[in-house]
C-alpha atoms as a PDB file:
ATOM      1  CA  MET A   1      80.654  88.626 132.115  1.00  0.00           C
ATOM      2  CA  ALA A   2      79.669  92.062 133.321  1.00  0.00           C
ATOM      3  CA  SER A   3      76.109  92.749 134.313  1.00  0.00           C
ATOM      4  CA  LEU A   4      73.774  93.596 131.457  1.00  0.00           C
ATOM      5  CA  SER A   5      71.055  94.966 133.711  1.00  0.00           C
ATOM      6  CA  GLY A   6      71.527  98.545 132.571  1.00  0.00           C
ATOM      7  CA  MET A   7      71.617 100.114 129.155  1.00  0.00           C
ATOM      8  CA  LYS A   8      75.358 100.735 129.473  1.00  0.00           C
ATOM      9  CA  GLY A   9      76.038  96.991 129.656  1.00  0.00           C
ATOM     10  CA  TRP A  10      74.010  96.295 126.525  1.00  0.00           C
ATOM     11  CA  VAL A  11      75.740  99.085 124.613  1.00  0.00           C
ATOM     12  CA  ARG A  12      79.133  97.763 125.672  1.00  0.00           C
ATOM     13  CA  LEU A  13      78.166  94.236 124.619  1.00  0.00           C
ATOM     14  CA  ALA A  14      76.870  95.529 121.271  1.00  0.00           C
ATOM     15  CA  ALA A  15      80.113  97.430 120.642  1.00  0.00           C
ATOM     16  CA  VAL A  16      82.244  94.384 121.440  1.00  0.00           C
ATOM     17  CA  LEU A  17      80.083  92.140 119.260  1.00  0.00           C
ATOM     18  CA  LEU A  18      80.186  94.644 116.390  1.00  0.00           C
ATOM     19  CA  VAL A  19      83.977  94.744 116.486  1.00  0.00           C
ATOM     20  CA  LEU A  20      84.243  90.951 116.676  1.00  0.00           C
ATOM     21  CA  THR A  21      81.729  90.282 113.910  1.00  0.00           C
ATOM     22  CA  GLY A  22      83.247  93.041 111.780  1.00  0.00           C
ATOM     23  CA  THR A  23      86.660  91.475 112.123  1.00  0.00           C
ATOM     24  CA  ALA A  24      85.278  88.037 111.327  1.00  0.00           C
ATOM     25  CA  ALA A  25      83.389  89.383 108.305  1.00  0.00           C
ATOM     26  CA  SER A  26      86.461  91.138 106.938  1.00  0.00           C
ATOM     27  CA  VAL A  27      88.453  87.915 107.237  1.00  0.00           C
ATOM     28  CA  ALA A  28      85.582  85.974 105.660  1.00  0.00           C
ATOM     29  CA  LEU A  29      85.528  88.361 102.710  1.00  0.00           C
ATOM     30  CA  THR A  30      89.032  87.266 101.753  1.00  0.00           C
ATOM     31  CA  HIS A  31      88.210  83.560 102.237  1.00  0.00           C
ATOM     32  CA  MET A  32      85.035  83.185 100.186  1.00  0.00           C
ATOM     33  CA  ASP A  33      86.146  79.751  98.979  1.00  0.00           C
ATOM     34  CA  ASN A  34      84.664  77.927 101.968  1.00  0.00           C
ATOM     35  CA  LEU A  35      81.102  77.620 103.245  1.00  0.00           C
ATOM     36  CA  PRO A  36      81.475  79.073 106.782  1.00  0.00           C
ATOM     37  CA  ALA A  37      83.033  82.239 105.378  1.00  0.00           C
ATOM     38  CA  TYR A  38      80.282  82.553 102.805  1.00  0.00           C
ATOM     39  CA  LEU A  39      77.581  82.100 105.449  1.00  0.00           C
ATOM     40  CA  LEU A  40      79.182  84.805 107.572  1.00  0.00           C
ATOM     41  CA  ILE A  41      79.331  87.298 104.709  1.00  0.00           C
ATOM     42  CA  ALA A  42      75.954  86.306 103.147  1.00  0.00           C
ATOM     43  CA  PRO A  43      73.879  89.215 104.574  1.00  0.00           C
ATOM     44  CA  GLY A  44      76.260  91.760 103.078  1.00  0.00           C
ATOM     45  CA  TYR A  45      76.389  89.836  99.832  1.00  0.00           C
ATOM     46  CA  LEU A  46      72.593  89.891  99.650  1.00  0.00           C
ATOM     47  CA  VAL A  47      72.454  93.665 100.210  1.00  0.00           C
ATOM     48  CA  GLN A  48      75.182  94.258  97.631  1.00  0.00           C
ATOM     49  CA  ALA A  49      73.262  92.127  95.117  1.00  0.00           C
ATOM     50  CA  TRP A  50      70.116  94.168  95.779  1.00  0.00           C
ATOM     51  CA  LEU A  51      72.087  97.386  95.291  1.00  0.00           C
ATOM     52  CA  PHE A  52      73.448  96.001  92.029  1.00  0.00           C
ATOM     53  CA  GLU A  53      69.958  95.159  90.770  1.00  0.00           C
ATOM     54  CA  SER A  54      68.773  98.654  91.761  1.00  0.00           C
ATOM     55  CA  ASN A  55      71.690 100.220  89.848  1.00  0.00           C
ATOM     56  CA  LEU A  56      73.010 101.661  93.121  1.00  0.00           C
ATOM     57  CA  ALA A  57      75.919  99.273  93.581  1.00  0.00           C
ATOM     58  CA  LEU A  58      79.144 100.544  95.045  1.00  0.00           C
ATOM     59  CA  GLY A  59      82.482  99.598  93.583  1.00  0.00           C
ATOM     60  CA  GLY A  60      85.936  99.121  95.032  1.00  0.00           C
ATOM     61  CA  PHE A  61      86.183  99.906  98.731  1.00  0.00           C
ATOM     62  CA  GLY A  62      82.440 100.690  98.964  1.00  0.00           C
ATOM     63  CA  TYR A  63      81.664  97.154  97.843  1.00  0.00           C
ATOM     64  CA  GLU A  64      83.833  95.661 100.568  1.00  0.00           C
ATOM     65  CA  ALA A  65      82.632  98.122 103.218  1.00  0.00           C
ATOM     66  CA  THR A  66      79.000  97.311 102.414  1.00  0.00           C
ATOM     67  CA  MET A  67      79.585  93.576 102.574  1.00  0.00           C
ATOM     68  CA  VAL A  68      81.522  93.718 105.850  1.00  0.00           C
ATOM     69  CA  GLY A  69      79.384  96.409 107.518  1.00  0.00           C
ATOM     70  CA  VAL A  70      76.019  94.846 106.755  1.00  0.00           C
ATOM     71  CA  SER A  71      77.203  91.374 107.729  1.00  0.00           C
ATOM     72  CA  ALA A  72      78.668  92.645 110.997  1.00  0.00           C
ATOM     73  CA  LEU A  73      75.469  94.523 111.829  1.00  0.00           C
ATOM     74  CA  VAL A  74      73.197  91.575 111.035  1.00  0.00           C
ATOM     75  CA  TRP A  75      75.255  89.084 113.051  1.00  0.00           C
ATOM     76  CA  THR A  76      75.554  91.534 115.959  1.00  0.00           C
ATOM     77  CA  LEU A  77      71.771  91.917 116.056  1.00  0.00           C
ATOM     78  CA  ILE A  78      71.305  88.144 115.877  1.00  0.00           C
ATOM     79  CA  PHE A  79      73.714  87.585 118.782  1.00  0.00           C
ATOM     80  CA  LEU A  80      72.128  90.378 120.847  1.00  0.00           C
ATOM     81  CA  GLY A  81      68.680  88.921 120.220  1.00  0.00           C
ATOM     82  CA  LEU A  82      69.814  85.457 121.260  1.00  0.00           C
ATOM     83  CA  THR A  83      71.462  86.889 124.371  1.00  0.00           C
ATOM     84  CA  ALA A  84      68.259  88.698 125.334  1.00  0.00           C
ATOM     85  CA  LEU A  85      66.189  85.574 124.709  1.00  0.00           C
ATOM     86  CA  ILE A  86      68.496  83.403 126.828  1.00  0.00           C
ATOM     87  CA  ARG A  87      68.421  85.975 129.638  1.00  0.00           C
ATOM     88  CA  LEU A  88      64.606  86.097 129.494  1.00  0.00           C
ATOM     89  CA  VAL A  89      64.270  82.309 129.624  1.00  0.00           C
ATOM     90  CA  TRP A  90      66.851  82.061 132.421  1.00  0.00           C
ATOM     91  CA  ARG A  91      65.116  84.763 134.471  1.00  0.00           C
ATOM     92  CA  THR A  92      61.710  83.146 133.948  1.00  0.00           C
ATOM     93  CA  LEU A  93      62.992  79.724 135.003  1.00  0.00           C
ATOM     94  CA  ARG A  94      64.615  81.205 138.118  1.00  0.00           C
ATOM     95  CA  ARG A  95      61.370  82.953 139.082  1.00  0.00           C
ATOM     96  CA  LEU A  96      59.357  79.799 138.533  1.00  0.00           C
ATOM     97  CA  SER A  97      61.715  77.706 140.629  1.00  0.00           C
ATOM     98  CA  ALA A  98      61.701  80.345 143.386  1.00  0.00           C
ATOM     99  CA  ALA A  99      57.889  80.408 143.341  1.00  0.00           C
ATOM    100  CA  ALA A 100      57.740  76.606 143.502  1.00  0.00           C
ATOM    101  CA  ARG A 101      59.905  76.551 146.625  1.00  0.00           C
ATOM    102  CA  HIS A 102      57.599  78.862 148.544  1.00  0.00           C
END
């Protein structure tokens, strides 16, 4: 994997994750008869339900775009957060082991 030390690496990773999660969410939208697909599309479903209750719901393509877009954004942010957390823990462990050797 390319270095994520600079902002450009994080933006590139975010763009790749957004495309991947968007593709997965659009496939999940057409396969709502199984649990993994429903879990993937759940954030968008929740937002669409809130819009419906607020009388702001979108119909047709807007409904699908909201479900896919929100789900892709939420899962991208979750994966970026986990990546940052893993990098932080890894870097901390490396520093601690380097300090223990000296």
